[in-house]
Amino acid sequence: MSLTHRDVATVGIGGPVGSGKTSLVTEMVPKLREAGLDVGVIANDILTQADADALRERFEGIVPEDLVAGVETGACPHTGIREDPSMNLAQVDDFLDAHPELDLVLVESGGDNLAATFNPELADYSLYVISVAEGEDIPRKRGPGVVECDLLVINKTDLAPHVGADLDAMKRDAETVRDGPFVATNCKTGAGVGDVLEHVREGVLFA
């Protein structure tokens, strides 16, 4: 695989607000660090640093503070990951200037089923995160976020019986509409997170 940014791999994590992207990142980063990888994290938001501030607090003592950054897009976050990723690319370069040993950068951004796709200049590998609470019909609607990502993550599986979602139907639909893999996760228990990490390793780090 030819990586876009010198020798650092970039992984885009998109999905609707509330799907559990931040929870997934929170689970992934410590495990990546335990594997000996130096990791940077970028959180996209419209006008605030709230997500980045929350991640800095969660990763205190795990990730250097200057390797967690917020990008304020000033418009829908998908603009900064799809149409014009220059702000995110600049942040990756800033990370690398200070930490040339960096192995991986996670780029998190909210966005709906149609918009949260990543420009290939920004992400070498992309995840799209959906929640069972958003409706079991999301996979079968075949939005670009669901269909075009490298890995689809069906999150918050524990909520399925409480919101009337048929998890098996979501899995069947995901298999039908996608050529690539999908993983079901519950970030509260960590279930499925290891599978997500394995796909990331195979898709980017060991490609």
Protein backbone atom coordinates (compact mmCIF):
# COMPACT_ATOMS: atom_id res chain seq x y z
CA MET A 1 0.00 0.00 0.00
CA SER A 2 1.27 3.47 -0.85
CA LEU A 3 0.60 5.73 2.11
CA THR A 4 -0.35 9.35 1.51
CA HIS A 5 1.58 10.99 4.35
CA ARG A 6 5.24 10.00 4.30
CA ASP A 7 5.41 6.83 6.39
CA VAL A 8 2.35 7.27 8.60
CA ALA A 9 -0.92 5.41 8.09
CA THR A 10 -4.20 7.32 8.38
CA VAL A 11 -7.53 5.78 9.36
CA GLY A 12 -10.80 7.69 8.95
CA ILE A 13 -13.62 6.96 11.41
CA GLY A 14 -16.95 8.42 10.29
CA GLY A 15 -20.59 7.99 11.16
CA PRO A 16 -23.66 9.81 12.46
CA VAL A 17 -23.63 11.76 15.71
CA GLY A 18 -24.30 9.36 18.57
CA SER A 19 -23.21 6.23 16.75
CA GLY A 20 -20.32 5.69 19.16
CA LYS A 21 -17.29 6.86 17.16
CA THR A 22 -15.62 8.47 20.17
CA SER A 23 -16.28 5.40 22.30
CA LEU A 24 -14.69 3.24 19.61
CA VAL A 25 -11.64 5.52 19.41
CA THR A 26 -11.42 5.44 23.21
CA GLU A 27 -11.29 1.64 23.10
CA MET A 28 -8.91 1.42 20.15
CA VAL A 29 -6.16 3.83 21.15
CA PRO A 30 -5.00 2.17 24.41
CA LYS A 31 -4.87 -1.21 22.67
CA LEU A 32 -2.84 0.25 19.81
CA ARG A 33 -0.47 1.80 22.34
CA GLU A 34 -0.16 -1.55 24.14
CA ALA A 35 0.88 -3.02 20.79
CA GLY A 36 3.75 -0.54 20.72
CA LEU A 37 2.31 1.88 18.17
CA ASP A 38 2.62 5.66 18.40
CA VAL A 39 -0.85 7.04 17.67
CA GLY A 40 -2.24 10.50 16.94
CA VAL A 41 -5.94 11.42 17.02
CA ILE A 42 -7.80 14.20 15.17
CA ALA A 43 -11.40 15.05 16.09
CA ASN A 44 -13.38 17.09 13.55
CA ASP A 45 -16.13 19.43 14.72
CA ILE A 46 -17.81 22.53 13.33
CA LEU A 47 -16.95 25.25 15.85
CA THR A 48 -15.55 23.70 19.04
CA GLN A 49 -12.70 21.67 20.50
CA ALA A 50 -15.09 19.76 22.77
CA ASP A 51 -14.44 16.31 21.33
CA ALA A 52 -10.68 16.83 21.24
CA ASP A 53 -10.70 18.11 24.84
CA ALA A 54 -12.65 15.05 25.96
CA LEU A 55 -10.20 12.73 24.19
CA ARG A 56 -7.18 14.49 25.69
CA GLU A 57 -8.66 13.87 29.13
CA ARG A 58 -9.38 10.23 28.38
CA PHE A 59 -5.91 9.62 26.95
CA GLU A 60 -3.96 11.43 29.66
CA GLY A 61 -0.86 9.37 30.39
CA ILE A 62 -1.49 7.23 27.30
CA VAL A 63 -1.03 9.61 24.37
CA PRO A 64 1.03 12.84 24.43
CA GLU A 65 -1.28 15.83 24.69
CA ASP A 66 0.03 17.33 21.45
CA LEU A 67 -0.95 14.17 19.56
CA VAL A 68 -4.66 14.80 20.19
CA ALA A 69 -6.01 17.70 18.13
CA GLY A 70 -9.31 19.23 17.13
CA VAL A 71 -10.03 20.53 13.64
CA GLU A 72 -12.78 23.17 13.49
CA THR A 73 -14.21 22.87 9.99
CA GLY A 74 -16.52 25.91 10.21
CA ALA A 75 -19.08 23.95 8.18
CA CYS A 76 -20.44 20.42 8.12
CA PRO A 77 -17.54 18.24 9.27
CA HIS A 78 -17.75 16.09 6.15
CA THR A 79 -16.51 19.10 4.19
CA GLY A 80 -13.18 18.78 5.99
CA ILE A 81 -12.83 15.05 5.31
CA ARG A 82 -14.22 14.80 1.80
CA GLU A 83 -14.33 17.98 -0.32
CA ASP A 84 -11.39 19.88 1.17
CA PRO A 85 -9.29 17.84 3.61
CA SER A 86 -6.50 20.43 3.72
CA MET A 87 -7.02 21.33 7.40
CA ASN A 88 -6.81 17.69 8.42
CA LEU A 89 -3.80 17.08 6.18
CA ALA A 90 -2.06 20.06 7.75
CA GLN A 91 -2.73 18.65 11.21
CA VAL A 92 -1.26 15.29 10.21
CA ASP A 93 1.84 17.12 9.01
CA ASP A 94 2.01 19.04 12.32
CA PHE A 95 1.91 15.72 14.19
CA LEU A 96 4.72 14.36 12.05
CA ASP A 97 6.87 17.46 12.44
CA ALA A 98 6.79 16.99 16.21
CA HIS A 99 6.68 13.17 16.22
CA PRO A 100 8.39 11.74 13.12
CA GLU A 101 8.21 8.27 14.69
CA LEU A 102 4.39 8.33 14.45
CA ASP A 103 2.85 5.07 13.21
CA LEU A 104 -0.86 5.84 12.86
CA VAL A 105 -3.30 8.77 12.88
CA LEU A 106 -7.01 8.27 13.56
CA VAL A 107 -9.26 10.94 12.01
CA GLU A 108 -12.74 11.05 13.55
CA SER A 109 -15.63 12.96 11.99
CA GLY A 110 -19.41 13.00 12.25
CA GLY A 111 -21.64 12.89 9.21
CA ASP A 112 -24.78 11.29 7.90
CA ASN A 113 -25.21 8.21 5.75
CA LEU A 114 -24.59 10.17 2.56
CA ALA A 115 -21.78 12.50 3.54
CA ALA A 116 -19.28 10.82 5.86
CA THR A 117 -16.95 9.39 3.26
CA PHE A 118 -13.24 10.18 3.37
CA ASN A 119 -11.13 11.71 0.65
CA PRO A 120 -8.47 9.11 -0.29
CA GLU A 121 -5.83 11.81 0.15
CA LEU A 122 -6.76 11.90 3.83
CA ALA A 123 -7.56 8.32 4.80
CA ASP A 124 -5.70 5.20 3.72
CA TYR A 125 -8.42 3.12 5.38
CA SER A 126 -11.92 4.11 6.50
CA LEU A 127 -14.43 2.90 9.07
CA TYR A 128 -18.08 3.86 9.11
CA VAL A 129 -19.84 3.47 12.46
CA ILE A 130 -23.60 3.05 12.82
CA SER A 131 -25.69 2.34 15.89
CA VAL A 132 -28.51 -0.18 16.10
CA ALA A 133 -30.52 2.55 17.85
CA GLU A 134 -30.62 4.57 14.61
CA GLY A 135 -32.75 1.93 12.92
CA GLU A 136 -32.14 -1.54 11.59
CA ASP A 137 -32.77 -0.36 8.01
CA ILE A 138 -29.55 1.70 7.75
CA PRO A 139 -27.52 -1.00 5.97
CA ARG A 140 -30.21 -1.83 3.45
CA LYS A 141 -30.52 1.86 2.46
CA ARG A 142 -27.06 1.52 0.89
CA GLY A 143 -25.76 5.00 1.68
CA PRO A 144 -22.20 5.69 0.48
CA GLY A 145 -20.91 5.74 4.06
CA VAL A 146 -22.15 2.19 4.55
CA VAL A 147 -21.23 0.83 1.15
CA GLU A 148 -17.94 2.56 0.36
CA CYS A 149 -16.06 2.33 3.67
CA ASP A 150 -13.38 -0.30 4.11
CA LEU A 151 -14.98 -1.58 7.32
CA LEU A 152 -18.56 -1.11 8.51
CA VAL A 153 -18.99 -1.13 12.30
CA ILE A 154 -22.45 -1.93 13.68
CA ASN A 155 -22.17 -0.52 17.19
CA LYS A 156 -24.22 -0.53 20.42
CA THR A 157 -25.39 -4.09 19.84
CA ASP A 158 -26.55 -4.25 23.48
CA LEU A 159 -29.32 -1.77 22.65
CA ALA A 160 -30.92 -3.92 19.93
CA PRO A 161 -33.55 -5.61 22.14
CA HIS A 162 -34.44 -2.28 23.77
CA VAL A 163 -35.11 -0.40 20.53
CA GLY A 164 -36.74 -3.21 18.58
CA ALA A 165 -33.84 -3.64 16.16
CA ASP A 166 -33.16 -7.02 14.59
CA LEU A 167 -29.37 -7.33 14.77
CA ASP A 168 -29.33 -10.46 12.63
CA ALA A 169 -31.25 -8.62 9.91
CA MET A 170 -28.73 -5.77 10.04
CA LYS A 171 -25.89 -8.23 9.63
CA ARG A 172 -27.60 -9.95 6.70
CA ASP A 173 -28.26 -6.62 5.00
CA ALA A 174 -24.68 -5.49 5.58
CA GLU A 175 -23.40 -8.66 3.98
CA THR A 176 -25.76 -8.18 1.03
CA VAL A 177 -24.98 -4.55 0.24
CA ARG A 178 -21.23 -4.59 0.91
CA ASP A 179 -18.29 -6.17 -0.84
CA GLY A 180 -16.11 -5.55 2.22
CA PRO A 181 -16.24 -6.73 5.84
CA PHE A 182 -18.32 -5.57 8.78
CA VAL A 183 -18.01 -6.02 12.56
CA ALA A 184 -20.63 -5.82 15.31
CA THR A 185 -19.40 -4.09 18.47
CA ASN A 186 -20.39 -3.14 21.98
CA CYS A 187 -17.89 -0.57 23.19
CA LYS A 188 -19.22 -0.74 26.75
CA THR A 189 -17.91 -4.29 27.08
CA GLY A 190 -15.23 -4.12 24.40
CA ALA A 191 -16.94 -6.85 22.37
CA GLY A 192 -15.83 -6.77 18.73
CA VAL A 193 -13.18 -4.08 19.22
CA GLY A 194 -10.41 -6.63 18.78
CA ASP A 195 -11.89 -7.58 15.42
CA VAL A 196 -11.94 -3.92 14.37
CA LEU A 197 -8.27 -3.59 15.30
CA GLU A 198 -7.38 -6.71 13.37
CA HIS A 199 -9.02 -5.32 10.23
CA VAL A 200 -7.15 -2.04 10.69
CA ARG A 201 -3.86 -3.87 11.12
CA GLU A 202 -4.44 -5.99 8.04
CA GLY A 203 -5.78 -3.10 5.96
CA VAL A 204 -3.19 -0.48 6.79
CA LEU A 205 -0.36 -1.42 9.10
CA PHE A 206 0.55 -4.76 7.55
CA ALA A 207 -0.65 -4.13 3.98
